[in-house]
Amino acid sequence: MNSTQLNKDYAYCEGVIKASSKSFYTAFSQLPKEKAQAVYAIYAFCRLADDTVDSNEILTIKQNNLLTLKEELTVFSQGRTSDNPMWRALRDVFDRYQMDIQPFYDQIEGQERDLIFNGIATVDALQDYSYYVAGSVGLMLLPILAAKQGVTRELNESAIALGIGMQFTNILRDVGEDYRENNRIYLPEDLLQKYQVNLPSVMSEGPNEAFISLWEELAQYSHDYYQKFWHNIEQFDEDCRLPVLAAARLYHAIMDSVRLNHYDCLSKRNFVPNLKMLQLVKEAKQDLKRR
């Protein structure tokens, strides 16, 4: 593949992450160019998988589209590359890094679970689900973020923990959106029962003490996963530590944004303001210098 075409393919992938996730783009754009491009290509794959499930198409069409993506992944794993900017960019990523195809299949399985979603029974079930839709992403990125250091068992666990922590944060941010737009409740049924939370009532009346207590218990789980990641930060390549830590800090801060909005994750989309993002990146740099 000529370099001009490849640059266009990576530019396409960069456009996807830039449009879809300001937090991720702010963090990972600080990577060295080749590593940043590899992250953009992987993000584009994950975005496609997620958008396939969350589209407005009928269920059978979404199932067929996801099956097509899985078939394209199998073709890709056999060494053939579809004529598509994302797949061409991913081929270059697989040529340059010691990639594992399994997490890509795991990501698709996570999206398949969303297509037949009928609730989450327990916190353990939520953790399992979160591995497939988010922990798998950590494993996809790890060969890039530890290309020099080498992937270890501890790093695998750290990457999975960061992905699960971020997914818990997503769920805590998007309670109302998931309920209204997708008819999904990701809050575990055991916690809903423990705190006697009736989500339809909370949606109409606003956050109450019971909902806030449930929310904070899940937030503690999320925080603990971020801490597991932080303990292994020095095992990542030196040129990747700041972007990865910044991504974790930016995402962790989403929970503080929800708190500042009085736990209204029901009627509004909570986000980290640009100035706060810059401050968090600066703090991440300082924390790394102190280690």
C-alpha atoms as a PDB file:
ATOM      1  CA  MET A   1       0.000   0.000   0.000  1.00  0.00           C
ATOM      2  CA  ASN A   2       1.393   3.421  -0.878  1.00  0.00           C
ATOM      3  CA  SER A   3       2.041   5.917   1.913  1.00  0.00           C
ATOM      4  CA  THR A   4      -0.372   8.519   0.521  1.00  0.00           C
ATOM      5  CA  GLN A   5      -3.293   6.098   0.670  1.00  0.00           C
ATOM      6  CA  LEU A   6      -2.288   4.893   4.123  1.00  0.00           C
ATOM      7  CA  ASN A   7      -2.113   8.448   5.441  1.00  0.00           C
ATOM      8  CA  LYS A   8      -5.629   9.049   4.104  1.00  0.00           C
ATOM      9  CA  ASP A   9      -6.827   5.862   5.785  1.00  0.00           C
ATOM     10  CA  TYR A  10      -5.385   6.920   9.116  1.00  0.00           C
ATOM     11  CA  ALA A  11      -6.833  10.401   8.675  1.00  0.00           C
ATOM     12  CA  TYR A  12     -10.247   8.786   8.238  1.00  0.00           C
ATOM     13  CA  CYS A  13      -9.794   6.854  11.500  1.00  0.00           C
ATOM     14  CA  GLU A  14      -8.599   9.985  13.284  1.00  0.00           C
ATOM     15  CA  GLY A  15     -11.742  11.749  12.129  1.00  0.00           C
ATOM     16  CA  VAL A  16     -13.852   9.007  13.702  1.00  0.00           C
ATOM     17  CA  ILE A  17     -12.286   9.295  17.163  1.00  0.00           C
ATOM     18  CA  LYS A  18     -12.148  13.092  16.986  1.00  0.00           C
ATOM     19  CA  ALA A  19     -15.878  13.266  16.270  1.00  0.00           C
ATOM     20  CA  SER A  20     -16.928  10.587  18.743  1.00  0.00           C
ATOM     21  CA  SER A  21     -14.790  10.986  21.873  1.00  0.00           C
ATOM     22  CA  LYS A  22     -13.147  14.247  22.875  1.00  0.00           C
ATOM     23  CA  SER A  23     -11.697  12.610  25.997  1.00  0.00           C
ATOM     24  CA  PHE A  24      -9.987   9.776  24.132  1.00  0.00           C
ATOM     25  CA  TYR A  25      -8.781  12.055  21.360  1.00  0.00           C
ATOM     26  CA  THR A  26      -7.377  14.600  23.819  1.00  0.00           C
ATOM     27  CA  ALA A  27      -5.418  11.854  25.575  1.00  0.00           C
ATOM     28  CA  PHE A  28      -4.233   9.630  22.748  1.00  0.00           C
ATOM     29  CA  SER A  29      -3.344  12.429  20.335  1.00  0.00           C
ATOM     30  CA  GLN A  30      -0.348  12.969  22.640  1.00  0.00           C
ATOM     31  CA  LEU A  31       1.140   9.618  21.649  1.00  0.00           C
ATOM     32  CA  PRO A  32       3.967   9.458  19.096  1.00  0.00           C
ATOM     33  CA  LYS A  33       2.403   9.707  15.630  1.00  0.00           C
ATOM     34  CA  GLU A  34       2.614   6.029  14.648  1.00  0.00           C
ATOM     35  CA  LYS A  35       1.189   4.838  17.955  1.00  0.00           C
ATOM     36  CA  ALA A  36      -1.553   7.462  17.873  1.00  0.00           C
ATOM     37  CA  GLN A  37      -2.552   6.349  14.376  1.00  0.00           C
ATOM     38  CA  ALA A  38      -2.714   2.735  15.528  1.00  0.00           C
ATOM     39  CA  VAL A  39      -5.012   3.714  18.400  1.00  0.00           C
ATOM     40  CA  TYR A  40      -7.241   5.665  15.999  1.00  0.00           C
ATOM     41  CA  ALA A  41      -7.615   2.604  13.746  1.00  0.00           C
ATOM     42  CA  ILE A  42      -8.608   0.375  16.664  1.00  0.00           C
ATOM     43  CA  TYR A  43     -11.037   3.000  17.923  1.00  0.00           C
ATOM     44  CA  ALA A  44     -12.634   3.170  14.456  1.00  0.00           C
ATOM     45  CA  PHE A  45     -13.240  -0.595  14.572  1.00  0.00           C
ATOM     46  CA  CYS A  46     -14.819  -0.376  18.030  1.00  0.00           C
ATOM     47  CA  ARG A  47     -16.924   2.613  16.991  1.00  0.00           C
ATOM     48  CA  LEU A  48     -18.235   0.702  13.974  1.00  0.00           C
ATOM     49  CA  ALA A  49     -19.144  -2.292  16.130  1.00  0.00           C
ATOM     50  CA  ASP A  50     -20.913  -0.092  18.672  1.00  0.00           C
ATOM     51  CA  ASP A  51     -22.753   2.000  16.068  1.00  0.00           C
ATOM     52  CA  THR A  52     -23.969  -1.169  14.354  1.00  0.00           C
ATOM     53  CA  VAL A  53     -25.815  -2.134  17.527  1.00  0.00           C
ATOM     54  CA  ASP A  54     -27.029   1.347  18.489  1.00  0.00           C
ATOM     55  CA  SER A  55     -28.366   2.282  15.051  1.00  0.00           C
ATOM     56  CA  ASN A  56     -32.069   2.894  14.444  1.00  0.00           C
ATOM     57  CA  GLU A  57     -32.370  -0.138  12.172  1.00  0.00           C
ATOM     58  CA  ILE A  58     -34.640  -3.071  13.033  1.00  0.00           C
ATOM     59  CA  LEU A  59     -33.124  -5.926  15.012  1.00  0.00           C
ATOM     60  CA  THR A  60     -32.662  -8.308  12.078  1.00  0.00           C
ATOM     61  CA  ILE A  61     -30.746  -5.681  10.091  1.00  0.00           C
ATOM     62  CA  LYS A  62     -28.507  -4.906  13.067  1.00  0.00           C
ATOM     63  CA  GLN A  63     -27.846  -8.622  13.553  1.00  0.00           C
ATOM     64  CA  ASN A  64     -26.961  -9.004   9.882  1.00  0.00           C
ATOM     65  CA  ASN A  65     -24.675  -5.948   9.984  1.00  0.00           C
ATOM     66  CA  LEU A  66     -22.864  -7.269  13.038  1.00  0.00           C
ATOM     67  CA  LEU A  67     -22.547 -10.688  11.401  1.00  0.00           C
ATOM     68  CA  THR A  68     -21.058  -8.983   8.342  1.00  0.00           C
ATOM     69  CA  LEU A  69     -18.520  -7.225  10.556  1.00  0.00           C
ATOM     70  CA  LYS A  70     -17.616 -10.542  12.164  1.00  0.00           C
ATOM     71  CA  GLU A  71     -17.189 -12.160   8.749  1.00  0.00           C
ATOM     72  CA  GLU A  72     -14.971  -9.264   7.632  1.00  0.00           C
ATOM     73  CA  LEU A  73     -12.877  -9.763  10.774  1.00  0.00           C
ATOM     74  CA  THR A  74     -12.475 -13.443   9.940  1.00  0.00           C
ATOM     75  CA  VAL A  75     -11.390 -12.552   6.395  1.00  0.00           C
ATOM     76  CA  PHE A  76      -8.952 -10.056   7.910  1.00  0.00           C
ATOM     77  CA  SER A  77      -7.568 -12.697  10.298  1.00  0.00           C
ATOM     78  CA  GLN A  78      -6.851 -14.895   7.276  1.00  0.00           C
ATOM     79  CA  GLY A  79      -4.596 -12.232   5.789  1.00  0.00           C
ATOM     80  CA  ARG A  80      -7.036 -10.619   3.364  1.00  0.00           C
ATOM     81  CA  THR A  81      -7.904  -6.939   3.672  1.00  0.00           C
ATOM     82  CA  SER A  82     -11.242  -5.397   2.711  1.00  0.00           C
ATOM     83  CA  ASP A  83     -11.112  -2.305   0.500  1.00  0.00           C
ATOM     84  CA  ASN A  84     -12.020   0.050   3.323  1.00  0.00           C
ATOM     85  CA  PRO A  85      -9.949   2.724   5.131  1.00  0.00           C
ATOM     86  CA  MET A  86     -10.453   1.197   8.569  1.00  0.00           C
ATOM     87  CA  TRP A  87      -9.412  -2.303   7.483  1.00  0.00           C
ATOM     88  CA  ARG A  88      -6.425  -0.993   5.516  1.00  0.00           C
ATOM     89  CA  ALA A  89      -5.252   0.991   8.527  1.00  0.00           C
ATOM     90  CA  LEU A  90      -5.749  -2.020  10.802  1.00  0.00           C
ATOM     91  CA  ARG A  91      -3.681  -4.163   8.446  1.00  0.00           C
ATOM     92  CA  ASP A  92      -0.815  -1.735   8.884  1.00  0.00           C
ATOM     93  CA  VAL A  93      -1.293  -1.891  12.663  1.00  0.00           C
ATOM     94  CA  PHE A  94      -1.157  -5.694  12.623  1.00  0.00           C
ATOM     95  CA  ASP A  95       1.952  -5.554  10.436  1.00  0.00           C
ATOM     96  CA  ARG A  96       3.749  -3.221  12.841  1.00  0.00           C
ATOM     97  CA  TYR A  97       2.693  -4.569  16.246  1.00  0.00           C
ATOM     98  CA  GLN A  98       2.312  -7.960  17.921  1.00  0.00           C
ATOM     99  CA  MET A  99      -1.465  -7.864  17.784  1.00  0.00           C
ATOM    100  CA  ASP A 100      -3.907 -10.491  19.055  1.00  0.00           C
ATOM    101  CA  ILE A 101      -7.108 -10.963  17.043  1.00  0.00           C
ATOM    102  CA  GLN A 102      -9.136 -12.469  19.920  1.00  0.00           C
ATOM    103  CA  PRO A 103     -10.030  -9.187  21.686  1.00  0.00           C
ATOM    104  CA  PHE A 104     -11.590  -7.984  18.416  1.00  0.00           C
ATOM    105  CA  TYR A 105     -13.867 -11.021  18.424  1.00  0.00           C
ATOM    106  CA  ASP A 106     -14.587 -10.409  22.107  1.00  0.00           C
ATOM    107  CA  GLN A 107     -15.661  -6.855  21.268  1.00  0.00           C
ATOM    108  CA  ILE A 108     -18.141  -8.178  18.723  1.00  0.00           C
ATOM    109  CA  GLU A 109     -19.456 -10.674  21.276  1.00  0.00           C
ATOM    110  CA  GLY A 110     -20.050  -7.783  23.646  1.00  0.00           C
ATOM    111  CA  GLN A 111     -22.090  -6.010  20.975  1.00  0.00           C
ATOM    112  CA  GLU A 112     -24.000  -9.240  20.322  1.00  0.00           C
ATOM    113  CA  ARG A 113     -24.941  -9.256  24.002  1.00  0.00           C
ATOM    114  CA  ASP A 114     -26.400  -5.780  23.593  1.00  0.00           C
ATOM    115  CA  LEU A 115     -28.574  -6.977  20.715  1.00  0.00           C
ATOM    116  CA  ILE A 116     -30.227  -9.565  22.968  1.00  0.00           C
ATOM    117  CA  PHE A 117     -29.968  -7.418  26.090  1.00  0.00           C
ATOM    118  CA  ASN A 118     -32.452  -8.230  28.859  1.00  0.00           C
ATOM    119  CA  GLY A 119     -30.882  -6.604  31.893  1.00  0.00           C
ATOM    120  CA  ILE A 120     -27.924  -7.181  34.198  1.00  0.00           C
ATOM    121  CA  ALA A 121     -28.638  -9.405  37.205  1.00  0.00           C
ATOM    122  CA  THR A 122     -25.596  -8.754  39.404  1.00  0.00           C
ATOM    123  CA  VAL A 123     -22.471  -6.641  39.727  1.00  0.00           C
ATOM    124  CA  ASP A 124     -20.449  -9.716  38.712  1.00  0.00           C
ATOM    125  CA  ALA A 125     -22.530  -9.990  35.533  1.00  0.00           C
ATOM    126  CA  LEU A 126     -21.901  -6.301  34.839  1.00  0.00           C
ATOM    127  CA  GLN A 127     -18.168  -6.833  35.230  1.00  0.00           C
ATOM    128  CA  ASP A 128     -18.314  -9.758  32.798  1.00  0.00           C
ATOM    129  CA  TYR A 129     -20.314  -7.742  30.260  1.00  0.00           C
ATOM    130  CA  SER A 130     -17.932  -4.801  30.689  1.00  0.00           C
ATOM    131  CA  TYR A 131     -14.951  -6.975  29.818  1.00  0.00           C
ATOM    132  CA  TYR A 132     -16.450  -7.810  26.417  1.00  0.00           C
ATOM    133  CA  VAL A 133     -17.445  -4.275  25.434  1.00  0.00           C
ATOM    134  CA  ALA A 134     -14.545  -2.384  27.050  1.00  0.00           C
ATOM    135  CA  GLY A 135     -11.915  -4.577  28.692  1.00  0.00           C
ATOM    136  CA  SER A 136     -11.369  -6.104  25.277  1.00  0.00           C
ATOM    137  CA  VAL A 137     -10.434  -2.637  23.996  1.00  0.00           C
ATOM    138  CA  GLY A 138      -7.690  -2.431  26.604  1.00  0.00           C
ATOM    139  CA  LEU A 139      -6.273  -5.700  25.291  1.00  0.00           C
ATOM    140  CA  MET A 140      -6.452  -4.437  21.703  1.00  0.00           C
ATOM    141  CA  LEU A 141      -4.440  -1.345  22.600  1.00  0.00           C
ATOM    142  CA  LEU A 142      -1.899  -3.046  24.843  1.00  0.00           C
ATOM    143  CA  PRO A 143       0.530  -4.252  22.123  1.00  0.00           C
ATOM    144  CA  ILE A 144       0.823  -0.619  21.036  1.00  0.00           C
ATOM    145  CA  LEU A 145       1.090   0.892  24.502  1.00  0.00           C
ATOM    146  CA  ALA A 146       3.654  -1.684  25.638  1.00  0.00           C
ATOM    147  CA  ALA A 147       5.450  -2.272  22.338  1.00  0.00           C
ATOM    148  CA  LYS A 148       8.879  -1.703  23.878  1.00  0.00           C
ATOM    149  CA  GLN A 149       8.246  -2.964  27.393  1.00  0.00           C
ATOM    150  CA  GLY A 150       6.478  -6.126  26.306  1.00  0.00           C
ATOM    151  CA  VAL A 151       3.076  -7.388  27.438  1.00  0.00           C
ATOM    152  CA  THR A 152       3.005  -9.089  30.852  1.00  0.00           C
ATOM    153  CA  ARG A 153       0.245 -10.780  32.847  1.00  0.00           C
ATOM    154  CA  GLU A 154       0.091  -7.727  35.119  1.00  0.00           C
ATOM    155  CA  LEU A 155      -0.282  -5.423  32.127  1.00  0.00           C
ATOM    156  CA  ASN A 156      -3.063  -7.591  30.711  1.00  0.00           C
ATOM    157  CA  GLU A 157      -4.921  -7.304  34.003  1.00  0.00           C
ATOM    158  CA  SER A 158      -4.256  -3.570  34.129  1.00  0.00           C
ATOM    159  CA  ALA A 159      -5.562  -2.980  30.595  1.00  0.00           C
ATOM    160  CA  ILE A 160      -8.701  -4.993  31.317  1.00  0.00           C
ATOM    161  CA  ALA A 161      -9.226  -3.136  34.604  1.00  0.00           C
ATOM    162  CA  LEU A 162      -8.965   0.245  32.891  1.00  0.00           C
ATOM    163  CA  GLY A 163     -11.486  -0.806  30.246  1.00  0.00           C
ATOM    164  CA  ILE A 164     -13.961  -2.098  32.832  1.00  0.00           C
ATOM    165  CA  GLY A 165     -13.544   1.015  34.961  1.00  0.00           C
ATOM    166  CA  MET A 166     -14.281   3.190  31.944  1.00  0.00           C
ATOM    167  CA  GLN A 167     -17.340   1.126  31.053  1.00  0.00           C
ATOM    168  CA  PHE A 168     -18.720   1.507  34.577  1.00  0.00           C
ATOM    169  CA  THR A 169     -18.181   5.247  34.166  1.00  0.00           C
ATOM    170  CA  ASN A 170     -20.055   5.158  30.841  1.00  0.00           C
ATOM    171  CA  ILE A 171     -22.980   3.416  32.516  1.00  0.00           C
ATOM    172  CA  LEU A 172     -23.033   5.929  35.376  1.00  0.00           C
ATOM    173  CA  ARG A 173     -22.939   8.820  32.889  1.00  0.00           C
ATOM    174  CA  ASP A 174     -25.591   7.445  30.537  1.00  0.00           C
ATOM    175  CA  VAL A 175     -28.324   6.082  32.829  1.00  0.00           C
ATOM    176  CA  GLY A 176     -31.020   8.297  31.345  1.00  0.00           C
ATOM    177  CA  GLU A 177     -29.839   8.057  27.744  1.00  0.00           C
ATOM    178  CA  ASP A 178     -29.642   4.254  27.866  1.00  0.00           C
ATOM    179  CA  TYR A 179     -33.134   4.066  29.359  1.00  0.00           C
ATOM    180  CA  ARG A 180     -34.818   6.577  27.033  1.00  0.00           C
ATOM    181  CA  GLU A 181     -33.122   5.849  23.734  1.00  0.00           C
ATOM    182  CA  ASN A 182     -32.222   2.163  23.957  1.00  0.00           C
ATOM    183  CA  ASN A 183     -34.647   0.831  26.575  1.00  0.00           C
ATOM    184  CA  ARG A 184     -31.716  -0.621  28.515  1.00  0.00           C
ATOM    185  CA  ILE A 185     -30.998  -0.614  32.246  1.00  0.00           C
ATOM    186  CA  TYR A 186     -27.365  -1.470  32.930  1.00  0.00           C
ATOM    187  CA  LEU A 187     -27.664  -0.847  36.666  1.00  0.00           C
ATOM    188  CA  PRO A 188     -27.514  -4.346  38.214  1.00  0.00           C
ATOM    189  CA  GLU A 189     -30.797  -5.733  39.457  1.00  0.00           C
ATOM    190  CA  ASP A 190     -29.258  -6.775  42.781  1.00  0.00           C
ATOM    191  CA  LEU A 191     -28.304  -3.149  43.487  1.00  0.00           C
ATOM    192  CA  LEU A 192     -31.681  -1.851  42.335  1.00  0.00           C
ATOM    193  CA  GLN A 193     -33.265  -4.212  44.859  1.00  0.00           C
ATOM    194  CA  LYS A 194     -30.713  -3.459  47.588  1.00  0.00           C
ATOM    195  CA  TYR A 195     -31.456   0.265  47.433  1.00  0.00           C
ATOM    196  CA  GLN A 196     -35.124  -0.143  46.438  1.00  0.00           C
ATOM    197  CA  VAL A 197     -34.675   2.010  43.350  1.00  0.00           C
ATOM    198  CA  ASN A 198     -37.522   2.136  40.842  1.00  0.00           C
ATOM    199  CA  LEU A 199     -35.798   3.561  37.802  1.00  0.00           C
ATOM    200  CA  PRO A 200     -38.950   4.622  35.884  1.00  0.00           C
ATOM    201  CA  SER A 201     -39.971   6.692  38.934  1.00  0.00           C
ATOM    202  CA  VAL A 202     -36.488   8.159  39.255  1.00  0.00           C
ATOM    203  CA  MET A 203     -36.549   9.048  35.573  1.00  0.00           C
ATOM    204  CA  SER A 204     -39.736  11.059  36.025  1.00  0.00           C
ATOM    205  CA  GLU A 205     -39.022  12.537  39.463  1.00  0.00           C
ATOM    206  CA  GLY A 206     -35.243  12.976  39.408  1.00  0.00           C
ATOM    207  CA  PRO A 207     -32.408  11.542  41.513  1.00  0.00           C
ATOM    208  CA  ASN A 208     -33.297  10.633  45.099  1.00  0.00           C
ATOM    209  CA  GLU A 209     -31.167   9.432  48.015  1.00  0.00           C
ATOM    210  CA  ALA A 210     -31.619   5.764  47.143  1.00  0.00           C
ATOM    211  CA  PHE A 211     -30.543   6.324  43.545  1.00  0.00           C
ATOM    212  CA  ILE A 212     -27.533   8.375  44.635  1.00  0.00           C
ATOM    213  CA  SER A 213     -26.447   5.628  47.059  1.00  0.00           C
ATOM    214  CA  LEU A 214     -26.681   3.019  44.301  1.00  0.00           C
ATOM    215  CA  TRP A 215     -24.828   5.315  41.908  1.00  0.00           C
ATOM    216  CA  GLU A 216     -22.029   5.877  44.417  1.00  0.00           C
ATOM    217  CA  GLU A 217     -21.590   2.165  45.080  1.00  0.00           C
ATOM    218  CA  LEU A 218     -21.068   1.548  41.367  1.00  0.00           C
ATOM    219  CA  ALA A 219     -18.782   4.602  41.225  1.00  0.00           C
ATOM    220  CA  GLN A 220     -16.613   3.008  43.915  1.00  0.00           C
ATOM    221  CA  TYR A 221     -16.280  -0.136  41.797  1.00  0.00           C
ATOM    222  CA  SER A 222     -15.254   2.060  38.875  1.00  0.00           C
ATOM    223  CA  HIS A 223     -12.722   3.932  41.015  1.00  0.00           C
ATOM    224  CA  ASP A 224     -11.203   0.665  42.249  1.00  0.00           C
ATOM    225  CA  TYR A 225     -10.643  -0.490  38.671  1.00  0.00           C
ATOM    226  CA  TYR A 226      -8.851   2.771  37.834  1.00  0.00           C
ATOM    227  CA  GLN A 227      -6.623   2.202  40.873  1.00  0.00           C
ATOM    228  CA  LYS A 228      -5.675  -1.289  39.653  1.00  0.00           C
ATOM    229  CA  PHE A 229      -4.581   0.284  36.390  1.00  0.00           C
ATOM    230  CA  TRP A 230      -2.591   3.031  38.130  1.00  0.00           C
ATOM    231  CA  HIS A 231      -0.494   0.542  40.103  1.00  0.00           C
ATOM    232  CA  ASN A 232       1.006  -0.812  36.851  1.00  0.00           C
ATOM    233  CA  ILE A 233       1.465   2.458  34.971  1.00  0.00           C
ATOM    234  CA  GLU A 234       5.260   2.101  34.869  1.00  0.00           C
ATOM    235  CA  GLN A 235       4.974  -1.133  32.872  1.00  0.00           C
ATOM    236  CA  PHE A 236       3.640   0.802  29.891  1.00  0.00           C
ATOM    237  CA  ASP A 237       6.112   2.248  27.384  1.00  0.00           C
ATOM    238  CA  GLU A 238       7.512   5.524  28.678  1.00  0.00           C
ATOM    239  CA  ASP A 239       6.122   7.462  25.697  1.00  0.00           C
ATOM    240  CA  CYS A 240       2.657   6.030  26.404  1.00  0.00           C
ATOM    241  CA  ARG A 241       2.330   6.566  30.140  1.00  0.00           C
ATOM    242  CA  LEU A 242       1.088  10.139  30.011  1.00  0.00           C
ATOM    243  CA  PRO A 243      -1.561   9.576  27.298  1.00  0.00           C
ATOM    244  CA  VAL A 244      -2.869   6.432  29.023  1.00  0.00           C
ATOM    245  CA  LEU A 245      -2.936   8.074  32.438  1.00  0.00           C
ATOM    246  CA  ALA A 246      -4.552  11.174  30.955  1.00  0.00           C
ATOM    247  CA  ALA A 247      -7.262   9.038  29.351  1.00  0.00           C
ATOM    248  CA  ALA A 248      -7.942   7.397  32.708  1.00  0.00           C
ATOM    249  CA  ARG A 249      -8.034  10.724  34.542  1.00  0.00           C
ATOM    250  CA  LEU A 250     -10.289  12.367  31.964  1.00  0.00           C
ATOM    251  CA  TYR A 251     -12.732   9.491  32.108  1.00  0.00           C
ATOM    252  CA  HIS A 252     -12.623   9.234  35.890  1.00  0.00           C
ATOM    253  CA  ALA A 253     -13.492  12.944  36.043  1.00  0.00           C
ATOM    254  CA  ILE A 254     -16.792  12.288  34.265  1.00  0.00           C
ATOM    255  CA  MET A 255     -18.097  10.908  37.551  1.00  0.00           C
ATOM    256  CA  ASP A 256     -17.215  14.169  39.295  1.00  0.00           C
ATOM    257  CA  SER A 257     -19.113  16.030  36.571  1.00  0.00           C
ATOM    258  CA  VAL A 258     -22.213  13.978  37.372  1.00  0.00           C
ATOM    259  CA  ARG A 259     -21.804  14.799  41.069  1.00  0.00           C
ATOM    260  CA  LEU A 260     -21.458  18.514  40.292  1.00  0.00           C
ATOM    261  CA  ASN A 261     -24.738  18.269  38.362  1.00  0.00           C
ATOM    262  CA  HIS A 262     -26.449  16.820  41.446  1.00  0.00           C
ATOM    263  CA  TYR A 263     -26.402  13.290  40.006  1.00  0.00           C
ATOM    264  CA  ASP A 264     -28.537  14.258  37.032  1.00  0.00           C
ATOM    265  CA  CYS A 265     -27.390  11.577  34.626  1.00  0.00           C
ATOM    266  CA  LEU A 266     -31.056  11.127  33.741  1.00  0.00           C
ATOM    267  CA  SER A 267     -31.957  14.178  31.672  1.00  0.00           C
ATOM    268  CA  LYS A 268     -28.589  15.610  30.629  1.00  0.00           C
ATOM    269  CA  ARG A 269     -25.275  14.473  29.182  1.00  0.00           C
ATOM    270  CA  ASN A 270     -22.423  15.105  31.610  1.00  0.00           C
ATOM    271  CA  PHE A 271     -18.958  15.892  30.319  1.00  0.00           C
ATOM    272  CA  VAL A 272     -15.585  17.283  31.410  1.00  0.00           C
ATOM    273  CA  PRO A 273     -15.089  20.915  30.267  1.00  0.00           C
ATOM    274  CA  ASN A 274     -12.084  21.681  28.057  1.00  0.00           C
ATOM    275  CA  LEU A 275     -10.266  23.711  30.720  1.00  0.00           C
ATOM    276  CA  LYS A 276     -10.703  20.886  33.217  1.00  0.00           C
ATOM    277  CA  MET A 277      -9.321  18.439  30.665  1.00  0.00           C
ATOM    278  CA  LEU A 278      -6.176  20.548  30.277  1.00  0.00           C
ATOM    279  CA  GLN A 279      -5.803  20.745  34.041  1.00  0.00           C
ATOM    280  CA  LEU A 280      -6.122  16.965  34.401  1.00  0.00           C
ATOM    281  CA  VAL A 281      -3.481  16.365  31.729  1.00  0.00           C
ATOM    282  CA  LYS A 282      -1.151  18.757  33.578  1.00  0.00           C
ATOM    283  CA  GLU A 283      -1.788  16.932  36.858  1.00  0.00           C
ATOM    284  CA  ALA A 284      -1.083  13.583  35.171  1.00  0.00           C
ATOM    285  CA  LYS A 285       2.307  14.919  34.006  1.00  0.00           C
ATOM    286  CA  GLN A 286       3.123  16.023  37.542  1.00  0.00           C
ATOM    287  CA  ASP A 287       2.091  12.686  39.036  1.00  0.00           C
ATOM    288  CA  LEU A 288       4.319  10.779  36.628  1.00  0.00           C
ATOM    289  CA  LYS A 289       7.300  13.003  37.483  1.00  0.00           C
ATOM    290  CA  ARG A 290       6.800  12.236  41.167  1.00  0.00           C
ATOM    291  CA  ARG A 291       6.872   8.462  40.687  1.00  0.00           C
END
